[in-house]
Structures are given as C-alpha cells and as structure tokens.
Amino acid sequence: GEGKSLSWIPTALPPGIRLFTSSLPSDELNASGNWCFLECPTMAPAEVTEMVRRYLQKHGKRLGAEQEAMIVEAPQSSVPLFVTVMLNELRLFGSFEDLDRRIGNMLGCADVASLYDQVLQRIQDQFGEEAVSRLFAYLAASKSGLTEVEMMDLLGMSQLEFSDIISSCADYFIQPSGRYTIFHQPMRQAVAERYLSSAEVREAVHAKLGNYFMATPLGERQIVELPWHLTHSRAWFALREWLRQLKVFHYFHASGDSHYFELRRYWSLPEVGGPAVAAECYLEELEQLQSDWEVHEAALQAHLAACSSGGGGGSDAASDRGSIAGSQ
C-alpha cells in the first residue's frame, strides 16, 4: 500500500522538529538519501531476561526458572519482535501443564514469520479455517486496511462474532484512521504463504473485495480501494469503465495531488489504455452529457409550450378548482 512509498512522510519539517521511525531494511529508505541510519543491535541475554519478566509481570504472569532459561538462551530471542510475539502468545495460553511443550514449539521457529504462522494456526484452531483465512486474506489484500463495518460485511459476521475473533489477535493489528491493518511485515509474509499462496487465490480475493467496493457509494474508501482491487484481479474493462465516469474524475481531482496522481497512474496501465484512451473516454462522456442535456432541454421546452397553450392540463386544473369554489 501507501506505507512503502514513503509518501506519508513530510519532505520538510518545521524548525525544532525531528522525526524518528523504525523500519526493516528497505530499498525505498536507502534511495531517499535524507535519512541518518542507526542499526538496532540484537538483545543480550540480560536484556532478554528483563524483557521477559517485565512483560509478563505487566499481565500478572510469570515463568519458572527453567522455562525462562529456555527462552533467554534461544538464539531467536535476540530479536525483540520474536520475544514480543512469543510472550504475547504465552500470556494467552491457558494450560500450565503444556507450557513447556508450547515454549518448545515456538522456539522451534527459525524466524518471526514462522512464529507468526503458529499464531495463525492457533487462531484458526479456535475460530475455524474459513473465517480466519478470509479475515487475514482480506486484510492483507486491502490497500489501506479495512474498517470494522467493512470486515463484518465481507465476513457475514455479527458484531459479537467479529468482536470474539478480533479480540483474540488484536495485538497483531494497528488501526490508522479507524481501519484495521496487519502490524508487521513478517505477519504479512506468514498470511501470504498460508492464505494467498497462488495467483488464482490472490485474484479471487481481490475480485471479492472489488465487487464489495464497487457497490459502495463514491467516496474516499471507494477511490482508494476499488481501483486497487480491480487492478489486482485483472478486471481491466471494469476498471476502465469506472475510471471514465466524470464524477469519479472529479472526485479524484478534488481530493488532492496524491489521489490525482493515482488516477493518472491507473490510466497509464497498458491494459487500461494509457493517456490517449483516457482522453477519448472523457470526450465520449462529455459528448453523452451534452446529448442527454439536449434531450432533457427539448422535453422541457415541449412541456412549457404545452402548458402555455393550455394543453398541459394546467387550465383543466384551474377550472376544476373554480368549480369546487363555486359550489361551496
């Protein structure tokens, strides 16, 4: 989506303001040339120990000495995100007798993406494969996340059903502008490998989302999501027919430079036709608008002429009112 483009980062900051952000290694950041980079080192065992104790204490939990040692001594635990995800899963785990086995299973993951795959399996075991696969596939395929109402519509869930499933994995989402989106890139990787593993599946998910947003009113959500999904489901004709509407052009144009740039980018896709086809489509729309106006204008003039000559029913209505008044 928009995050990797870095378009959300101001190019100039006011005096006295400094911006700090964290990121995985990124070609986009390297190409920007405007950043001072500080590489975060991995955690030492003492730091892991402190993190484990503080995190679990905050939630009223604690581990035995041997269980804590299993985590601290694991090489994966030098990565803060790995430890965070692992501890979050442990605080939700309800069986003390199986705790050693659960810790061992998670430490068997070579990286954070593999650990997130176990998280997805845990949620799937709790709520069923169909609901969980659709939830995460829709979120991963969306351009800028999905609102609660949009997800309930797409999943066919009640408020209670949705609340149950989302509360079980809320720590793995963020909600910018009230929209749910997957927090970390390794989780996106795990979702893609588990639920969006083939081009056919990805196109089907985008087609489902495209159909949903096609039925929504023209507005911010539609112009952000709909062309994205039509593009990724390869629905080129539907995309061109939607883009050519004058009301769509006006909304893009009135919504600022970033949206107008997106309009131009979609038109520039070879499958859509490019700038020449865009100009031709808009000219046809304008000609149709003029033709429709001429038809309506002619009908209006005919109606006015009929009324002025007494043939439009106006005199009869006045006569009827006079008769009623005379009879009272």
Protein backbone atom coordinates (compact mmCIF):
# COMPACT_ATOMS: atom_id res chain seq x y z
CA GLY A 1 0.00 0.00 0.00
CA GLU A 2 1.00 3.54 0.75
CA GLY A 3 3.48 2.81 3.54
CA LYS A 4 6.37 1.62 1.38
CA SER A 5 6.08 4.60 -0.98
CA LEU A 6 7.02 6.92 1.92
CA SER A 7 4.54 9.47 0.54
CA TRP A 8 3.17 9.88 4.08
CA ILE A 9 6.48 11.26 5.38
CA PRO A 10 6.78 15.07 5.15
CA THR A 11 9.57 16.23 2.88
CA ALA A 12 10.23 19.24 5.12
CA LEU A 13 9.77 19.51 8.88
CA PRO A 14 9.17 22.68 10.93
CA PRO A 15 12.13 24.10 12.89
CA GLY A 16 12.88 22.20 16.06
CA ILE A 17 11.10 19.01 14.94
CA ARG A 18 12.93 15.70 14.48
CA LEU A 19 11.31 12.55 13.10
CA PHE A 20 12.31 9.09 14.34
CA THR A 21 10.89 5.92 12.79
CA SER A 22 11.74 2.23 12.76
CA SER A 23 11.84 0.01 9.71
CA LEU A 24 13.13 -3.22 8.31
CA PRO A 25 15.95 -2.83 5.76
CA SER A 26 14.35 -1.03 2.83
CA ASP A 27 15.38 -0.06 -0.70
CA GLU A 28 12.95 2.86 -0.51
CA LEU A 29 14.68 4.27 2.56
CA ASN A 30 18.13 3.75 1.07
CA ALA A 31 17.06 5.57 -2.09
CA SER A 32 15.63 8.56 -0.24
CA GLY A 33 19.04 9.89 0.73
CA ASN A 34 17.59 12.05 3.52
CA TRP A 35 17.94 9.71 6.48
CA CYS A 36 20.50 9.19 9.20
CA PHE A 37 20.53 5.44 9.90
CA LEU A 38 21.09 3.78 13.27
CA GLU A 39 21.11 -0.02 13.18
CA CYS A 40 19.40 -1.58 16.19
CA PRO A 41 21.61 -4.28 17.72
CA THR A 42 20.24 -7.63 18.82
CA MET A 43 19.45 -8.12 22.50
CA ALA A 44 21.91 -9.55 25.00
CA PRO A 45 20.69 -12.37 27.33
CA ALA A 46 20.38 -9.96 30.27
CA GLU A 47 18.14 -7.70 28.19
CA VAL A 48 16.00 -10.67 27.15
CA THR A 49 15.62 -11.69 30.80
CA GLU A 50 14.49 -8.20 31.78
CA MET A 51 12.06 -8.02 28.85
CA VAL A 52 10.50 -11.40 29.69
CA ARG A 53 9.99 -10.54 33.36
CA ARG A 54 8.64 -7.04 32.78
CA TYR A 55 6.25 -8.10 30.02
CA LEU A 56 4.73 -11.00 31.94
CA GLN A 57 4.61 -9.07 35.21
CA LYS A 58 2.56 -6.38 33.49
CA HIS A 59 -0.04 -9.06 32.71
CA GLY A 60 0.14 -10.76 36.10
CA LYS A 61 2.11 -13.76 34.77
CA ARG A 62 5.48 -15.35 35.47
CA LEU A 63 7.56 -18.26 34.26
CA GLY A 64 9.55 -20.84 36.16
CA ALA A 65 13.33 -20.54 36.13
CA GLU A 66 13.78 -23.37 33.61
CA GLN A 67 11.10 -22.00 31.30
CA GLU A 68 12.64 -18.54 31.43
CA ALA A 69 16.08 -20.02 30.67
CA MET A 70 14.70 -21.83 27.61
CA ILE A 71 13.63 -18.50 26.15
CA VAL A 72 16.68 -16.45 27.16
CA GLU A 73 19.18 -18.97 25.80
CA ALA A 74 17.47 -19.42 22.42
CA PRO A 75 19.28 -17.61 19.57
CA GLN A 76 15.96 -16.35 18.15
CA SER A 77 15.35 -14.42 21.37
CA SER A 78 17.98 -11.86 20.43
CA VAL A 79 15.31 -10.37 18.13
CA PRO A 80 12.89 -8.17 20.13
CA LEU A 81 9.88 -8.84 17.89
CA PHE A 82 10.32 -12.61 18.21
CA VAL A 83 10.28 -12.32 22.02
CA THR A 84 7.31 -9.94 21.99
CA VAL A 85 5.18 -12.27 19.85
CA MET A 86 6.20 -15.30 21.88
CA LEU A 87 5.37 -13.65 25.22
CA ASN A 88 2.02 -12.43 23.90
CA GLU A 89 1.11 -15.98 22.90
CA LEU A 90 2.27 -17.36 26.25
CA ARG A 91 0.10 -14.94 28.23
CA LEU A 92 -2.92 -16.19 26.24
CA PHE A 93 -2.01 -19.86 26.71
CA GLY A 94 -4.30 -21.46 29.26
CA SER A 95 -2.68 -24.84 30.03
CA PHE A 96 0.14 -24.70 32.59
CA GLU A 97 0.80 -28.43 32.14
CA ASP A 98 1.51 -27.95 28.42
CA LEU A 99 3.51 -24.73 28.83
CA ASP A 100 6.93 -26.37 28.31
CA ARG A 101 5.70 -28.00 25.10
CA ARG A 102 4.26 -24.70 23.87
CA ILE A 103 7.51 -22.86 24.55
CA GLY A 104 9.45 -25.61 22.78
CA ASN A 105 7.18 -25.45 19.73
CA MET A 106 7.60 -21.70 19.41
CA LEU A 107 11.36 -21.88 19.87
CA GLY A 108 11.40 -24.38 17.03
CA CYS A 109 10.57 -21.49 14.67
CA ALA A 110 13.61 -20.22 12.80
CA ASP A 111 12.32 -16.67 12.37
CA VAL A 112 9.47 -14.30 13.21
CA ALA A 113 7.45 -15.19 10.09
CA SER A 114 7.45 -18.87 11.12
CA LEU A 115 6.35 -17.87 14.62
CA TYR A 116 3.50 -15.82 13.18
CA ASP A 117 2.43 -18.91 11.23
CA GLN A 118 1.96 -20.68 14.56
CA VAL A 119 -0.10 -17.69 15.74
CA LEU A 120 -2.35 -18.05 12.69
CA GLN A 121 -2.74 -21.77 13.39
CA ARG A 122 -3.73 -21.01 16.99
CA ILE A 123 -6.40 -18.53 15.87
CA GLN A 124 -7.57 -20.94 13.17
CA ASP A 125 -7.92 -23.79 15.69
CA GLN A 126 -10.06 -21.51 17.84
CA PHE A 127 -12.38 -19.98 15.21
CA GLY A 128 -12.18 -22.24 12.17
CA GLU A 129 -10.18 -22.12 8.96
CA GLU A 130 -12.79 -20.43 6.76
CA ALA A 131 -13.40 -17.38 8.94
CA VAL A 132 -9.73 -16.86 9.84
CA SER A 133 -8.40 -17.37 6.32
CA ARG A 134 -10.89 -14.89 4.88
CA LEU A 135 -10.26 -12.32 7.61
CA PHE A 136 -6.49 -12.27 7.15
CA ALA A 137 -6.62 -12.63 3.37
CA TYR A 138 -8.92 -9.61 3.05
CA LEU A 139 -6.74 -7.53 5.35
CA ALA A 140 -3.54 -8.49 3.56
CA ALA A 141 -5.06 -7.77 0.14
CA SER A 142 -6.53 -4.39 1.09
CA LYS A 143 -4.69 -1.27 0.02
CA SER A 144 -5.12 0.71 3.24
CA GLY A 145 -6.78 -1.66 5.72
CA LEU A 146 -10.47 -2.32 6.38
CA THR A 147 -12.95 -0.82 8.81
CA GLU A 148 -14.86 -2.92 11.30
CA VAL A 149 -18.10 -2.49 9.32
CA GLU A 150 -16.39 -3.48 6.07
CA MET A 151 -14.97 -6.65 7.62
CA MET A 152 -18.29 -7.65 9.19
CA ASP A 153 -19.99 -7.15 5.81
CA LEU A 154 -17.36 -9.17 3.96
CA LEU A 155 -17.31 -11.98 6.52
CA GLY A 156 -21.07 -12.01 7.14
CA MET A 157 -20.49 -11.76 10.88
CA SER A 158 -22.46 -10.15 13.66
CA GLN A 159 -20.84 -7.59 15.96
CA LEU A 160 -20.46 -10.25 18.68
CA GLU A 161 -18.87 -12.82 16.36
CA PHE A 162 -16.46 -10.27 14.97
CA SER A 163 -15.50 -8.99 18.42
CA ASP A 164 -14.65 -12.52 19.56
CA ILE A 165 -12.28 -13.23 16.70
CA ILE A 166 -10.66 -9.79 16.56
CA SER A 167 -10.00 -9.69 20.31
CA SER A 168 -8.03 -12.94 20.05
CA CYS A 169 -5.49 -11.32 17.71
CA ALA A 170 -5.86 -7.58 18.37
CA ASP A 171 -2.15 -7.19 19.24
CA TYR A 172 -1.23 -8.07 15.66
CA PHE A 173 -3.18 -5.21 14.10
CA ILE A 174 -2.93 -1.45 14.08
CA GLN A 175 -5.83 0.90 13.38
CA PRO A 176 -4.74 4.01 11.45
CA SER A 177 -7.76 6.25 10.82
CA GLY A 178 -10.08 3.59 12.26
CA ARG A 179 -9.04 0.89 9.78
CA TYR A 180 -7.55 -2.45 10.78
CA THR A 181 -4.31 -3.40 9.06
CA ILE A 182 -1.67 -6.03 9.77
CA PHE A 183 1.05 -4.60 12.01
CA HIS A 184 4.34 -6.22 10.99
CA GLN A 185 5.78 -7.37 7.68
CA PRO A 186 6.63 -10.89 8.96
CA MET A 187 2.93 -11.38 9.78
CA ARG A 188 2.05 -10.28 6.24
CA GLN A 189 4.56 -12.82 4.95
CA ALA A 190 3.00 -15.59 7.05
CA VAL A 191 -0.52 -14.66 5.87
CA ALA A 192 0.59 -14.59 2.23
CA GLU A 193 2.24 -18.01 2.47
CA ARG A 194 -0.72 -19.59 4.28
CA TYR A 195 -3.77 -17.94 2.70
CA LEU A 196 -2.62 -16.22 -0.52
CA SER A 197 -0.19 -18.77 -1.87
CA SER A 198 -1.26 -18.81 -5.54
CA ALA A 199 -2.08 -16.22 -8.19
CA GLU A 200 -5.57 -17.70 -8.60
CA VAL A 201 -6.35 -17.31 -4.90
CA ARG A 202 -4.98 -13.77 -4.80
CA GLU A 203 -7.05 -12.73 -7.82
CA ALA A 204 -10.18 -14.27 -6.29
CA VAL A 205 -9.68 -12.35 -3.04
CA HIS A 206 -9.14 -9.09 -4.90
CA ALA A 207 -12.22 -9.81 -7.04
CA LYS A 208 -14.32 -10.29 -3.90
CA LEU A 209 -13.09 -7.01 -2.47
CA GLY A 210 -13.56 -5.28 -5.82
CA ASN A 211 -17.19 -6.38 -6.00
CA TYR A 212 -17.73 -5.16 -2.45
CA PHE A 213 -16.29 -1.69 -3.02
CA MET A 214 -17.99 -1.35 -6.41
CA ALA A 215 -21.30 -1.46 -4.52
CA THR A 216 -20.29 1.25 -2.05
CA PRO A 217 -21.04 4.96 -2.61
CA LEU A 218 -18.46 7.08 -4.40
CA GLY A 219 -16.15 8.48 -1.74
CA GLU A 220 -12.74 8.19 -0.12
CA ARG A 221 -12.97 4.46 0.58
CA GLN A 222 -14.09 3.61 -2.94
CA ILE A 223 -11.46 5.63 -4.80
CA VAL A 224 -8.68 4.18 -2.61
CA GLU A 225 -9.73 0.51 -2.60
CA LEU A 226 -11.77 -0.17 -5.74
CA PRO A 227 -9.18 0.54 -8.47
CA TRP A 228 -6.54 -1.29 -6.43
CA HIS A 229 -8.63 -4.47 -6.37
CA LEU A 230 -9.80 -4.19 -9.99
CA THR A 231 -6.14 -3.91 -10.99
CA HIS A 232 -5.01 -6.91 -8.95
CA SER A 233 -7.95 -9.04 -10.10
CA ARG A 234 -7.14 -8.06 -13.70
CA ALA A 235 -10.64 -6.67 -14.26
CA TRP A 236 -9.37 -4.22 -16.87
CA PHE A 237 -12.67 -3.45 -18.58
CA ALA A 238 -14.44 -2.78 -15.27
CA LEU A 239 -11.55 -0.55 -14.18
CA ARG A 240 -11.66 1.50 -17.41
CA GLU A 241 -15.45 1.87 -17.27
CA TRP A 242 -15.26 3.07 -13.68
CA LEU A 243 -12.38 5.48 -14.30
CA ARG A 244 -14.11 7.11 -17.28
CA GLN A 245 -17.04 8.38 -15.21
CA LEU A 246 -16.90 12.15 -14.88
CA LYS A 247 -17.99 12.02 -11.25
CA VAL A 248 -15.05 9.71 -10.50
CA PHE A 249 -12.65 12.04 -12.33
CA HIS A 250 -14.00 14.99 -10.37
CA TYR A 251 -13.64 13.21 -7.02
CA PHE A 252 -10.05 12.21 -7.74
CA HIS A 253 -9.21 15.70 -8.95
CA ALA A 254 -10.84 17.42 -5.97
CA SER A 255 -9.18 15.12 -3.40
CA GLY A 256 -5.65 16.47 -3.74
CA ASP A 257 -2.45 15.76 -5.60
CA SER A 258 -1.84 12.26 -4.20
CA HIS A 259 -5.24 10.97 -5.34
CA TYR A 260 -4.96 12.72 -8.71
CA PHE A 261 -1.57 11.06 -9.18
CA GLU A 262 -3.24 7.70 -8.51
CA LEU A 263 -5.85 8.43 -11.18
CA ARG A 264 -3.11 9.13 -13.72
CA ARG A 265 -1.23 6.00 -12.64
CA TYR A 266 -4.24 3.74 -13.17
CA TRP A 267 -4.92 5.25 -16.60
CA SER A 268 -1.26 4.71 -17.53
CA LEU A 269 -1.55 0.93 -17.14
CA PRO A 270 -1.15 -0.65 -20.61
CA GLU A 271 -4.16 -2.92 -20.02
CA VAL A 272 -6.35 0.12 -19.35
CA GLY A 273 -5.17 2.00 -22.39
CA GLY A 274 -2.97 4.93 -21.42
CA PRO A 275 -3.48 8.71 -21.67
CA ALA A 276 -4.84 8.65 -25.22
CA VAL A 277 -7.62 6.23 -24.28
CA ALA A 278 -8.35 8.29 -21.17
CA ALA A 279 -8.81 11.42 -23.29
CA GLU A 280 -11.05 9.55 -25.73
CA CYS A 281 -13.21 8.14 -22.91
CA TYR A 282 -13.64 11.52 -21.23
CA LEU A 283 -14.54 13.14 -24.56
CA GLU A 284 -17.21 10.48 -25.12
CA GLU A 285 -18.58 11.09 -21.62
CA LEU A 286 -18.76 14.83 -22.26
CA GLU A 287 -20.49 14.29 -25.60
CA GLN A 288 -23.01 11.97 -23.93
CA LEU A 289 -23.57 14.55 -21.21
CA GLN A 290 -24.28 17.19 -23.85
CA SER A 291 -26.59 14.84 -25.74
CA ASP A 292 -28.50 13.98 -22.56
CA TRP A 293 -28.86 17.66 -21.77
CA GLU A 294 -30.21 18.41 -25.25
CA VAL A 295 -32.82 15.65 -24.89
CA HIS A 296 -33.88 16.95 -21.48
CA GLU A 297 -33.91 20.53 -22.75
CA ALA A 298 -36.15 19.58 -25.70
CA ALA A 299 -38.54 17.73 -23.39
CA LEU A 300 -38.66 20.68 -21.01
CA GLN A 301 -39.37 23.13 -23.84
CA ALA A 302 -42.16 20.91 -25.16
CA HIS A 303 -43.70 20.73 -21.70
CA LEU A 304 -43.53 24.51 -21.24
CA ALA A 305 -45.04 25.07 -24.69
CA ALA A 306 -47.91 22.71 -23.90
CA CYS A 307 -48.57 24.46 -20.62
CA SER A 308 -48.58 27.93 -22.19
CA SER A 309 -51.04 26.84 -24.91
CA GLY A 310 -53.42 25.28 -22.38
CA GLY A 311 -52.69 21.74 -23.50
CA GLY A 312 -50.67 20.69 -20.49
CA GLY A 313 -53.52 20.15 -18.08
CA GLY A 314 -52.95 23.41 -16.20
CA SER A 315 -56.27 25.06 -17.40
CA ASP A 316 -58.31 21.99 -16.51
CA ALA A 317 -56.85 22.01 -13.03
CA ALA A 318 -57.71 25.71 -12.63
CA SER A 319 -61.24 25.07 -13.95
CA ASP A 320 -61.72 22.24 -11.52
CA ARG A 321 -60.62 24.44 -8.62
CA GLY A 322 -63.08 27.15 -9.82
CA SER A 323 -65.96 24.68 -9.97
CA ILE A 324 -65.26 23.46 -6.48
CA ALA A 325 -65.06 27.02 -5.18
CA GLY A 326 -68.32 27.93 -6.93
CA SER A 327 -70.17 25.02 -5.44
CA GLN A 328 -69.18 25.79 -1.84
